[in-house]
C-alpha atoms as a PDB file:
ATOM      1  CA  MET A   1      94.810-190.015 -75.858  1.00  0.00           C
ATOM      2  CA  THR A   2      93.361-190.061 -79.341  1.00  0.00           C
ATOM      3  CA  ILE A   3      95.229-188.859 -82.408  1.00  0.00           C
ATOM      4  CA  ARG A   4      92.918-185.864 -82.676  1.00  0.00           C
ATOM      5  CA  ALA A   5      93.523-184.914 -79.042  1.00  0.00           C
ATOM      6  CA  LYS A   6      97.271-185.206 -79.415  1.00  0.00           C
ATOM      7  CA  LEU A   7      97.248-183.067 -82.547  1.00  0.00           C
ATOM      8  CA  ALA A   8      95.008-180.450 -80.946  1.00  0.00           C
ATOM      9  CA  THR A   9      97.281-180.279 -77.906  1.00  0.00           C
ATOM     10  CA  ALA A  10     100.355-179.827 -80.084  1.00  0.00           C
ATOM     11  CA  ILE A  11      98.654-177.061 -82.070  1.00  0.00           C
ATOM     12  CA  VAL A  12      97.576-175.250 -78.895  1.00  0.00           C
ATOM     13  CA  VAL A  13     101.109-175.419 -77.519  1.00  0.00           C
ATOM     14  CA  ALA A  14     102.578-174.052 -80.751  1.00  0.00           C
ATOM     15  CA  VAL A  15     100.040-171.232 -80.936  1.00  0.00           C
ATOM     16  CA  ALA A  16     100.798-170.393 -77.301  1.00  0.00           C
ATOM     17  CA  GLY A  17     104.464-170.074 -78.200  1.00  0.00           C
ATOM     18  CA  LEU A  18     103.674-167.711 -81.058  1.00  0.00           C
ATOM     19  CA  ALA A  19     101.358-165.724 -78.784  1.00  0.00           C
ATOM     20  CA  LEU A  20     104.159-165.503 -76.223  1.00  0.00           C
ATOM     21  CA  THR A  21     106.509-164.095 -78.847  1.00  0.00           C
ATOM     22  CA  ALA A  22     103.923-161.564 -79.981  1.00  0.00           C
ATOM     23  CA  GLY A  23     103.161-160.577 -76.379  1.00  0.00           C
ATOM     24  CA  VAL A  24     106.807-160.057 -75.556  1.00  0.00           C
ATOM     25  CA  GLY A  25     107.210-157.994 -78.712  1.00  0.00           C
ATOM     26  CA  ILE A  26     104.251-155.764 -77.859  1.00  0.00           C
ATOM     27  CA  TRP A  27     105.440-155.361 -74.274  1.00  0.00           C
ATOM     28  CA  GLY A  28     108.910-154.462 -75.496  1.00  0.00           C
ATOM     29  CA  MET A  29     107.579-151.858 -77.914  1.00  0.00           C
ATOM     30  CA  ASN A  30     105.401-150.259 -75.221  1.00  0.00           C
ATOM     31  CA  SER A  31     108.267-150.243 -72.721  1.00  0.00           C
ATOM     32  CA  LEU A  32     110.684-148.722 -75.211  1.00  0.00           C
ATOM     33  CA  GLY A  33     108.083-146.172 -76.240  1.00  0.00           C
ATOM     34  CA  ALA A  34     107.682-145.002 -72.652  1.00  0.00           C
ATOM     35  CA  LYS A  35     111.453-144.857 -72.145  1.00  0.00           C
ATOM     36  CA  PHE A  36     111.884-142.943 -75.397  1.00  0.00           C
ATOM     37  CA  ASP A  37     109.343-140.384 -74.194  1.00  0.00           C
ATOM     38  CA  ASP A  38     111.399-139.994 -71.007  1.00  0.00           C
ATOM     39  CA  VAL A  39     114.565-139.507 -73.060  1.00  0.00           C
ATOM     40  CA  GLN A  40     112.873-136.910 -75.243  1.00  0.00           C
ATOM     41  CA  GLU A  41     111.507-135.017 -72.246  1.00  0.00           C
ATOM     42  CA  ALA A  42     114.900-135.025 -70.530  1.00  0.00           C
ATOM     43  CA  GLY A  43     116.547-133.813 -73.737  1.00  0.00           C
ATOM     44  CA  GLU A  44     114.107-130.924 -73.993  1.00  0.00           C
ATOM     45  CA  ALA A  45     114.789-130.005 -70.358  1.00  0.00           C
ATOM     46  CA  ARG A  46     118.521-130.010 -71.044  1.00  0.00           C
ATOM     47  CA  ALA A  47     117.987-127.768 -74.074  1.00  0.00           C
ATOM     48  CA  LEU A  48     115.959-125.326 -71.960  1.00  0.00           C
ATOM     49  CA  ALA A  49     118.700-125.123 -69.353  1.00  0.00           C
ATOM     50  CA  LEU A  50     121.341-124.477 -71.996  1.00  0.00           C
ATOM     51  CA  GLU A  51     119.154-121.810 -73.590  1.00  0.00           C
ATOM     52  CA  LEU A  52     118.896-120.033 -70.251  1.00  0.00           C
ATOM     53  CA  LYS A  53     122.684-120.110 -69.901  1.00  0.00           C
ATOM     54  CA  TYR A  54     123.022-118.515 -73.315  1.00  0.00           C
ATOM     55  CA  ASP A  55     120.322-115.920 -72.585  1.00  0.00           C
ATOM     56  CA  ILE A  56     122.026-114.750 -69.398  1.00  0.00           C
ATOM     57  CA  THR A  57     125.374-114.345 -71.114  1.00  0.00           C
ATOM     58  CA  ASP A  58     123.676-112.622 -74.036  1.00  0.00           C
ATOM     59  CA  PHE A  59     121.781-109.925 -72.150  1.00  0.00           C
ATOM     60  CA  ASN A  60     124.761-109.263 -69.889  1.00  0.00           C
ATOM     61  CA  GLY A  61     126.969-108.735 -72.927  1.00  0.00           C
ATOM     62  CA  TRP A  62     124.532-106.338 -74.576  1.00  0.00           C
ATOM     63  CA  GLN A  63     124.180-104.363 -71.360  1.00  0.00           C
ATOM     64  CA  THR A  64     127.933-103.877 -71.254  1.00  0.00           C
ATOM     65  CA  ALA A  65     127.857-102.882 -74.913  1.00  0.00           C
ATOM     66  CA  TYR A  66     125.297-100.116 -74.511  1.00  0.00           C
ATOM     67  CA  GLY A  67     127.276 -98.743 -71.578  1.00  0.00           C
ATOM     68  CA  TYR A  68     130.176 -98.104 -73.926  1.00  0.00           C
ATOM     69  CA  ASP A  69     128.308 -97.001 -77.063  1.00  0.00           C
ATOM     70  CA  ASP A  70     126.186 -94.301 -75.384  1.00  0.00           C
ATOM     71  CA  GLY A  71     123.060 -96.456 -75.290  1.00  0.00           C
ATOM     72  CA  GLU A  72     122.977 -97.415 -78.963  1.00  0.00           C
ATOM     73  CA  SER A  73     122.811-101.135 -78.097  1.00  0.00           C
ATOM     74  CA  ARG A  74     120.131-100.788 -75.425  1.00  0.00           C
ATOM     75  CA  PRO A  75     117.264-101.954 -77.688  1.00  0.00           C
ATOM     76  CA  THR A  76     119.249-105.116 -78.364  1.00  0.00           C
ATOM     77  CA  TYR A  77     119.772-105.554 -74.634  1.00  0.00           C
ATOM     78  CA  LEU A  78     116.050-105.153 -73.956  1.00  0.00           C
ATOM     79  CA  ALA A  79     115.195-107.716 -76.654  1.00  0.00           C
ATOM     80  CA  ALA A  80     117.747-110.149 -75.185  1.00  0.00           C
ATOM     81  CA  PHE A  81     116.353-109.696 -71.684  1.00  0.00           C
ATOM     82  CA  GLN A  82     112.776-110.225 -72.888  1.00  0.00           C
ATOM     83  CA  ARG A  83     113.881-113.401 -74.657  1.00  0.00           C
ATOM     84  CA  PHE A  84     115.431-114.593 -71.403  1.00  0.00           C
ATOM     85  CA  GLN A  85     112.203-113.850 -69.513  1.00  0.00           C
ATOM     86  CA  ALA A  86     110.181-115.838 -72.054  1.00  0.00           C
ATOM     87  CA  ASP A  87     112.553-118.800 -71.825  1.00  0.00           C
ATOM     88  CA  LEU A  88     112.498-118.616 -68.023  1.00  0.00           C
ATOM     89  CA  ALA A  89     108.687-118.723 -68.038  1.00  0.00           C
ATOM     90  CA  THR A  90     108.795-121.762 -70.342  1.00  0.00           C
ATOM     91  CA  ALA A  91     111.313-123.468 -68.065  1.00  0.00           C
ATOM     92  CA  ARG A  92     109.149-122.848 -64.987  1.00  0.00           C
ATOM     93  CA  LYS A  93     106.266-124.667 -66.676  1.00  0.00           C
ATOM     94  CA  ALA A  94     108.374-127.573 -67.917  1.00  0.00           C
ATOM     95  CA  LEU A  95     110.769-128.123 -64.993  1.00  0.00           C
ATOM     96  CA  GLU A  96     108.739-128.941 -61.918  1.00  0.00           C
ATOM     97  CA  SER A  97     110.982-130.817 -59.484  1.00  0.00           C
ATOM     98  CA  PRO A  98     111.878-129.054 -56.198  1.00  0.00           C
ATOM     99  CA  ARG A  99     115.556-128.885 -57.157  1.00  0.00           C
ATOM    100  CA  GLU A 100     114.761-127.423 -60.573  1.00  0.00           C
ATOM    101  CA  GLY A 101     112.320-124.955 -59.029  1.00  0.00           C
ATOM    102  CA  ALA A 102     114.889-123.759 -56.501  1.00  0.00           C
ATOM    103  CA  LEU A 103     117.481-123.129 -59.206  1.00  0.00           C
ATOM    104  CA  LEU A 104     114.971-121.335 -61.416  1.00  0.00           C
ATOM    105  CA  ASP A 105     114.032-119.140 -58.456  1.00  0.00           C
ATOM    106  CA  ARG A 106     117.684-118.248 -57.960  1.00  0.00           C
ATOM    107  CA  ILE A 107     118.026-117.381 -61.630  1.00  0.00           C
ATOM    108  CA  GLY A 108     114.851-115.299 -61.539  1.00  0.00           C
ATOM    109  CA  ASP A 109     115.818-113.439 -58.374  1.00  0.00           C
ATOM    110  CA  ALA A 110     119.259-112.582 -59.730  1.00  0.00           C
ATOM    111  CA  ALA A 111     117.779-111.458 -63.051  1.00  0.00           C
ATOM    112  CA  ASP A 112     115.221-109.260 -61.264  1.00  0.00           C
ATOM    113  CA  ASP A 113     118.010-107.579 -59.306  1.00  0.00           C
ATOM    114  CA  PHE A 114     119.981-107.204 -62.537  1.00  0.00           C
ATOM    115  CA  ASP A 115     117.016-105.564 -64.283  1.00  0.00           C
ATOM    116  CA  ARG A 116     116.252-103.173 -61.413  1.00  0.00           C
ATOM    117  CA  LEU A 117     119.863-102.015 -61.292  1.00  0.00           C
ATOM    118  CA  ASP A 118     119.924-101.717 -65.069  1.00  0.00           C
ATOM    119  CA  ALA A 119     117.139 -99.127 -64.835  1.00  0.00           C
ATOM    120  CA  VAL A 120     119.338 -97.098 -62.487  1.00  0.00           C
ATOM    121  CA  ALA A 121     122.288 -97.407 -64.868  1.00  0.00           C
ATOM    122  CA  TRP A 122     120.172 -96.358 -67.844  1.00  0.00           C
ATOM    123  CA  SER A 123     118.948 -93.257 -66.012  1.00  0.00           C
ATOM    124  CA  ALA A 124     122.525 -92.375 -65.125  1.00  0.00           C
ATOM    125  CA  LEU A 125     123.638 -92.832 -68.739  1.00  0.00           C
ATOM    126  CA  ARG A 126     120.906 -90.535 -70.036  1.00  0.00           C
ATOM    127  CA  ALA A 127     121.939 -87.960 -67.433  1.00  0.00           C
ATOM    128  CA  GLY A 128     125.509 -88.092 -68.678  1.00  0.00           C
ATOM    129  CA  ARG A 129     126.927 -89.864 -65.618  1.00  0.00           C
ATOM    130  CA  ALA A 130     128.994 -92.356 -67.594  1.00  0.00           C
ATOM    131  CA  GLU A 131     131.347 -93.081 -64.701  1.00  0.00           C
ATOM    132  CA  GLN A 132     128.447 -94.144 -62.468  1.00  0.00           C
ATOM    133  CA  VAL A 133     127.224 -96.445 -65.234  1.00  0.00           C
ATOM    134  CA  ARG A 134     130.580 -98.138 -65.462  1.00  0.00           C
ATOM    135  CA  ARG A 135     130.758 -98.552 -61.680  1.00  0.00           C
ATOM    136  CA  ILE A 136     127.355-100.239 -61.733  1.00  0.00           C
ATOM    137  CA  PHE A 137     128.203-102.502 -64.658  1.00  0.00           C
ATOM    138  CA  LEU A 138     131.620-103.489 -63.319  1.00  0.00           C
ATOM    139  CA  GLY A 139     130.474-103.904 -59.713  1.00  0.00           C
ATOM    140  CA  PRO A 140     127.016-105.018 -58.556  1.00  0.00           C
ATOM    141  CA  GLU A 141     125.817-106.012 -62.022  1.00  0.00           C
ATOM    142  CA  ILE A 142     128.700-108.460 -62.348  1.00  0.00           C
ATOM    143  CA  VAL A 143     127.629-109.931 -59.013  1.00  0.00           C
ATOM    144  CA  ASN A 144     124.053-110.301 -60.247  1.00  0.00           C
ATOM    145  CA  PHE A 145     125.223-111.802 -63.519  1.00  0.00           C
ATOM    146  CA  ARG A 146     127.378-114.340 -61.726  1.00  0.00           C
ATOM    147  CA  ARG A 147     124.505-115.308 -59.434  1.00  0.00           C
ATOM    148  CA  ALA A 148     122.260-115.985 -62.414  1.00  0.00           C
ATOM    149  CA  ALA A 149     124.985-117.681 -64.444  1.00  0.00           C
ATOM    150  CA  THR A 150     126.032-119.952 -61.566  1.00  0.00           C
ATOM    151  CA  ALA A 151     122.472-121.119 -60.973  1.00  0.00           C
ATOM    152  CA  ALA A 152     121.983-121.634 -64.708  1.00  0.00           C
ATOM    153  CA  GLN A 153     125.163-123.706 -64.875  1.00  0.00           C
ATOM    154  CA  GLN A 154     123.981-125.872 -61.981  1.00  0.00           C
ATOM    155  CA  LEU A 155     120.616-126.320 -63.695  1.00  0.00           C
ATOM    156  CA  ALA A 156     122.341-127.318 -66.931  1.00  0.00           C
ATOM    157  CA  GLU A 157     124.471-129.872 -65.070  1.00  0.00           C
ATOM    158  CA  LEU A 158     121.376-131.257 -63.349  1.00  0.00           C
ATOM    159  CA  GLU A 159     119.476-131.628 -66.617  1.00  0.00           C
ATOM    160  CA  ASP A 160     122.483-133.111 -68.378  1.00  0.00           C
ATOM    161  CA  ALA A 161     122.867-135.746 -65.655  1.00  0.00           C
ATOM    162  CA  ASN A 162     119.165-136.567 -65.835  1.00  0.00           C
ATOM    163  CA  ALA A 163     119.242-136.792 -69.632  1.00  0.00           C
ATOM    164  CA  SER A 164     122.262-139.094 -69.526  1.00  0.00           C
ATOM    165  CA  ALA A 165     120.510-141.307 -66.952  1.00  0.00           C
ATOM    166  CA  GLN A 166     117.395-141.532 -69.121  1.00  0.00           C
ATOM    167  CA  GLU A 167     119.493-142.435 -72.159  1.00  0.00           C
ATOM    168  CA  ARG A 168     121.185-145.232 -70.214  1.00  0.00           C
ATOM    169  CA  ALA A 169     117.796-146.471 -68.970  1.00  0.00           C
ATOM    170  CA  PHE A 170     116.518-146.548 -72.541  1.00  0.00           C
ATOM    171  CA  GLU A 171     119.533-148.540 -73.691  1.00  0.00           C
ATOM    172  CA  ASP A 172     119.107-151.001 -70.806  1.00  0.00           C
ATOM    173  CA  SER A 173     115.413-151.437 -71.615  1.00  0.00           C
ATOM    174  CA  ARG A 174     116.228-151.963 -75.268  1.00  0.00           C
ATOM    175  CA  ASP A 175     118.755-154.673 -74.407  1.00  0.00           C
ATOM    176  CA  ASP A 176     116.333-156.357 -71.978  1.00  0.00           C
ATOM    177  CA  ALA A 177     113.533-156.305 -74.538  1.00  0.00           C
ATOM    178  CA  LEU A 178     115.826-157.786 -77.171  1.00  0.00           C
ATOM    179  CA  ARG A 179     116.924-160.590 -74.855  1.00  0.00           C
ATOM    180  CA  LEU A 180     113.333-161.401 -73.922  1.00  0.00           C
ATOM    181  CA  LEU A 181     112.241-161.343 -77.541  1.00  0.00           C
ATOM    182  CA  VAL A 182     115.047-163.672 -78.580  1.00  0.00           C
ATOM    183  CA  GLY A 183     114.204-166.014 -75.693  1.00  0.00           C
ATOM    184  CA  ALA A 184     110.513-166.023 -76.594  1.00  0.00           C
ATOM    185  CA  ALA A 185     111.346-166.660 -80.236  1.00  0.00           C
ATOM    186  CA  ILE A 186     113.500-169.647 -79.261  1.00  0.00           C
ATOM    187  CA  VAL A 187     110.702-171.051 -77.102  1.00  0.00           C
ATOM    188  CA  ALA A 188     108.213-170.541 -79.920  1.00  0.00           C
ATOM    189  CA  ALA A 189     110.534-172.261 -82.383  1.00  0.00           C
ATOM    190  CA  LEU A 190     110.921-175.242 -80.050  1.00  0.00           C
ATOM    191  CA  LEU A 191     107.149-175.511 -79.671  1.00  0.00           C
ATOM    192  CA  VAL A 192     106.713-175.430 -83.425  1.00  0.00           C
ATOM    193  CA  VAL A 193     109.279-178.202 -83.723  1.00  0.00           C
ATOM    194  CA  ILE A 194     107.306-180.194 -81.143  1.00  0.00           C
ATOM    195  CA  LEU A 195     104.187-179.639 -83.246  1.00  0.00           C
ATOM    196  CA  LEU A 196     105.928-180.865 -86.368  1.00  0.00           C
ATOM    197  CA  VAL A 197     107.357-183.898 -84.606  1.00  0.00           C
ATOM    198  CA  THR A 198     103.968-184.709 -83.099  1.00  0.00           C
ATOM    199  CA  ALA A 199     102.221-184.276 -86.429  1.00  0.00           C
ATOM    200  CA  THR A 200     104.768-186.538 -88.122  1.00  0.00           C
ATOM    201  CA  ASP A 201     104.416-189.176 -85.426  1.00  0.00           C
ATOM    202  CA  LEU A 202     100.640-189.046 -85.621  1.00  0.00           C
ATOM    203  CA  ALA A 203     100.763-189.329 -89.392  1.00  0.00           C
ATOM    204  CA  ARG A 204     102.900-192.450 -89.110  1.00  0.00           C
ATOM    205  CA  GLN A 205     100.496-193.937 -86.578  1.00  0.00           C
ATOM    206  CA  ALA A 206      97.624-193.242 -88.937  1.00  0.00           C
ATOM    207  CA  GLU A 207      99.453-194.834 -91.842  1.00  0.00           C
ATOM    208  CA  ARG A 208     100.152-197.957 -89.792  1.00  0.00           C
ATOM    209  CA  ARG A 209      96.502-198.230 -88.887  1.00  0.00           C
ATOM    210  CA  LEU A 210      95.523-197.962 -92.537  1.00  0.00           C
ATOM    211  CA  GLU A 211      97.952-200.663 -93.668  1.00  0.00           C
ATOM    212  CA  PRO A 212      96.164-203.981 -94.426  1.00  0.00           C
ATOM    213  CA  ASP A 213      96.881-206.855 -92.126  1.00  0.00           C
ATOM    214  CA  ASP A 214      99.030-209.610 -93.677  1.00  0.00           C
ATOM    215  CA  ASP A 215      96.636-212.166 -92.311  1.00  0.00           C
END
């Protein structure tokens, strides 16, 4: 093999090592980007579930309040219930797995029953039947609230578990990408060393050829 061929081969090998490092780096960035998107999506799902938990507790509390303040807090209850309905609609669009859908259906069904019975309680309050209102609030409405709250708690636990799993997957991918990048960098460094050694050896060979013969 000629000097030029040896040098060209060494350069190609070194460039291949650098290309390997760059390729691993790009792959790692793309992989981590996809995993980060998964983490972000899971975090948003967890936040939605927690918001629903809060909404259910909130509108239940305001319903109880207006039952004891002669309806003064009912507008606040209605606003809280509408906020819950908006968050539930958002969750239905964002959470699409069968398990999530089943839990959202349970929440929605319980809330619908809660709202229908609330209309009965409100009519009774306006008619001056305060005792009937209290029986409704302390009986069937508590049952409806617990149905919704239990399903919301299960949804929150589901989303929390999924978010934690996605966070662990991201950390594992980050560690794998780092190990691969370090390995590729070591390989690239070794190939560069080979290039330097080859270039030095070829330079010495060239110098020897240029030296005048003693004869």
